[in-house]
C-alpha atoms as a PDB file:
ATOM      1  CA  UNK A   1     -34.141 -12.718-110.118  1.00  0.00           C
ATOM      2  CA  UNK A   2     -32.493 -13.893-113.353  1.00  0.00           C
ATOM      3  CA  UNK A   3     -32.948 -17.536-114.254  1.00  0.00           C
ATOM      4  CA  UNK A   4     -30.517 -19.054-116.741  1.00  0.00           C
ATOM      5  CA  UNK A   5     -32.369 -20.763-119.579  1.00  0.00           C
ATOM      6  CA  UNK A   6     -29.818 -23.588-119.561  1.00  0.00           C
ATOM      7  CA  UNK A   7     -30.336 -24.163-115.778  1.00  0.00           C
ATOM      8  CA  UNK A   8     -26.766 -23.124-114.870  1.00  0.00           C
ATOM      9  CA  UNK A   9     -25.913 -21.125-111.769  1.00  0.00           C
ATOM     10  CA  UNK A  10     -27.052 -17.473-111.937  1.00  0.00           C
ATOM     11  CA  UNK A  11     -23.498 -16.290-111.229  1.00  0.00           C
ATOM     12  CA  UNK A  12     -22.465 -17.530-114.663  1.00  0.00           C
ATOM     13  CA  UNK A  13     -25.552 -16.271-116.513  1.00  0.00           C
ATOM     14  CA  UNK A  14     -25.033 -13.732-119.266  1.00  0.00           C
ATOM     15  CA  UNK A  15     -25.647 -10.222-117.966  1.00  0.00           C
ATOM     16  CA  UNK A  16     -29.108  -8.773-118.537  1.00  0.00           C
ATOM     17  CA  UNK A  17     -29.017  -5.017-119.015  1.00  0.00           C
ATOM     18  CA  UNK A  18     -32.140  -2.894-119.424  1.00  0.00           C
ATOM     19  CA  UNK A  19     -30.454   0.549-119.004  1.00  0.00           C
ATOM     20  CA  UNK A  20     -33.228   1.568-116.583  1.00  0.00           C
ATOM     21  CA  UNK A  21     -30.600   2.457-113.957  1.00  0.00           C
ATOM     22  CA  UNK A  22     -28.785   4.647-116.535  1.00  0.00           C
ATOM     23  CA  UNK A  23     -25.875   2.221-116.428  1.00  0.00           C
ATOM     24  CA  UNK A  24     -24.026   0.691-119.378  1.00  0.00           C
ATOM     25  CA  UNK A  25     -23.601  -2.422-117.206  1.00  0.00           C
ATOM     26  CA  UNK A  26     -20.319  -4.058-118.228  1.00  0.00           C
ATOM     27  CA  UNK A  27     -19.885  -1.944-121.378  1.00  0.00           C
ATOM     28  CA  UNK A  28     -17.970   1.325-121.751  1.00  0.00           C
ATOM     29  CA  UNK A  29     -17.854   4.068-124.358  1.00  0.00           C
ATOM     30  CA  UNK A  30     -14.544   4.078-126.217  1.00  0.00           C
ATOM     31  CA  UNK A  31     -13.297   7.596-125.454  1.00  0.00           C
ATOM     32  CA  UNK A  32     -10.938   7.476-128.451  1.00  0.00           C
ATOM     33  CA  UNK A  33     -13.960   7.709-130.763  1.00  0.00           C
ATOM     34  CA  UNK A  34     -15.700  10.952-131.734  1.00  0.00           C
ATOM     35  CA  UNK A  35     -19.227   9.754-130.911  1.00  0.00           C
ATOM     36  CA  UNK A  36     -20.485   8.066-127.766  1.00  0.00           C
ATOM     37  CA  UNK A  37     -23.604   6.217-126.733  1.00  0.00           C
ATOM     38  CA  UNK A  38     -25.985   8.161-124.526  1.00  0.00           C
ATOM     39  CA  UNK A  39     -29.111   7.402-122.509  1.00  0.00           C
ATOM     40  CA  UNK A  40     -32.483   8.472-123.771  1.00  0.00           C
ATOM     41  CA  UNK A  41     -36.131   8.253-122.856  1.00  0.00           C
ATOM     42  CA  UNK A  42     -39.075   9.309-124.938  1.00  0.00           C
ATOM     43  CA  UNK A  43     -38.096  10.875-128.253  1.00  0.00           C
ATOM     44  CA  UNK A  44     -34.515  11.792-129.113  1.00  0.00           C
ATOM     45  CA  UNK A  45     -33.519  15.422-129.574  1.00  0.00           C
ATOM     46  CA  UNK A  46     -33.263  14.979-133.359  1.00  0.00           C
ATOM     47  CA  UNK A  47     -36.517  15.164-135.301  1.00  0.00           C
ATOM     48  CA  UNK A  48     -37.848  11.835-136.630  1.00  0.00           C
ATOM     49  CA  UNK A  49     -35.055   9.662-135.193  1.00  0.00           C
ATOM     50  CA  UNK A  50     -34.841   7.051-132.484  1.00  0.00           C
ATOM     51  CA  UNK A  51     -37.605   5.236-130.672  1.00  0.00           C
ATOM     52  CA  UNK A  52     -40.444   6.961-128.872  1.00  0.00           C
ATOM     53  CA  UNK A  53     -40.402   4.290-126.122  1.00  0.00           C
ATOM     54  CA  UNK A  54     -37.907   1.777-124.756  1.00  0.00           C
ATOM     55  CA  UNK A  55     -38.034  -2.014-125.166  1.00  0.00           C
ATOM     56  CA  UNK A  56     -38.278  -2.863-121.449  1.00  0.00           C
ATOM     57  CA  UNK A  57     -41.143  -0.717-120.162  1.00  0.00           C
ATOM     58  CA  UNK A  58     -42.685   0.176-123.548  1.00  0.00           C
ATOM     59  CA  UNK A  59     -43.238   3.691-122.239  1.00  0.00           C
ATOM     60  CA  UNK A  60     -41.780   7.167-122.677  1.00  0.00           C
ATOM     61  CA  UNK A  61     -40.368   6.867-119.152  1.00  0.00           C
ATOM     62  CA  UNK A  62     -38.192   3.854-120.001  1.00  0.00           C
ATOM     63  CA  UNK A  63     -34.489   4.215-120.810  1.00  0.00           C
ATOM     64  CA  UNK A  64     -32.550   3.130-123.904  1.00  0.00           C
ATOM     65  CA  UNK A  65     -29.131   3.930-125.346  1.00  0.00           C
ATOM     66  CA  UNK A  66     -28.604   5.664-128.669  1.00  0.00           C
ATOM     67  CA  UNK A  67     -26.095   7.561-130.788  1.00  0.00           C
ATOM     68  CA  UNK A  68     -26.763  11.235-131.493  1.00  0.00           C
ATOM     69  CA  UNK A  69     -25.197  11.583-134.928  1.00  0.00           C
ATOM     70  CA  UNK A  70     -26.803  14.818-136.118  1.00  0.00           C
ATOM     71  CA  UNK A  71     -23.767  16.786-134.910  1.00  0.00           C
ATOM     72  CA  UNK A  72     -21.232  14.257-136.201  1.00  0.00           C
ATOM     73  CA  UNK A  73     -19.362  14.150-139.470  1.00  0.00           C
ATOM     74  CA  UNK A  74     -19.229  11.435-142.112  1.00  0.00           C
ATOM     75  CA  UNK A  75     -16.829   8.769-140.860  1.00  0.00           C
ATOM     76  CA  UNK A  76     -17.204   9.583-137.149  1.00  0.00           C
ATOM     77  CA  UNK A  77     -17.451   6.408-135.104  1.00  0.00           C
ATOM     78  CA  UNK A  78     -18.612   5.107-131.755  1.00  0.00           C
ATOM     79  CA  UNK A  79     -17.525   1.914-130.083  1.00  0.00           C
ATOM     80  CA  UNK A  80     -19.230   0.340-127.104  1.00  0.00           C
END
């Protein structure tokens, strides 16, 4: 249950998104861009990049979002 810190009704609270349900919540990848945000858990597929755990569960089983840029080109963009 989310409690607003300013004591307002929960229906008007800012959205809390942990990505644990593999959902971008109210955000969307901009499909006009070359790169897109993806879900990860544990280490990313690129060596020495990204977190080894997520911020919510602090474990390798938790989910976060990230950009895989190792296959991109200079100037490629992502927009969430």
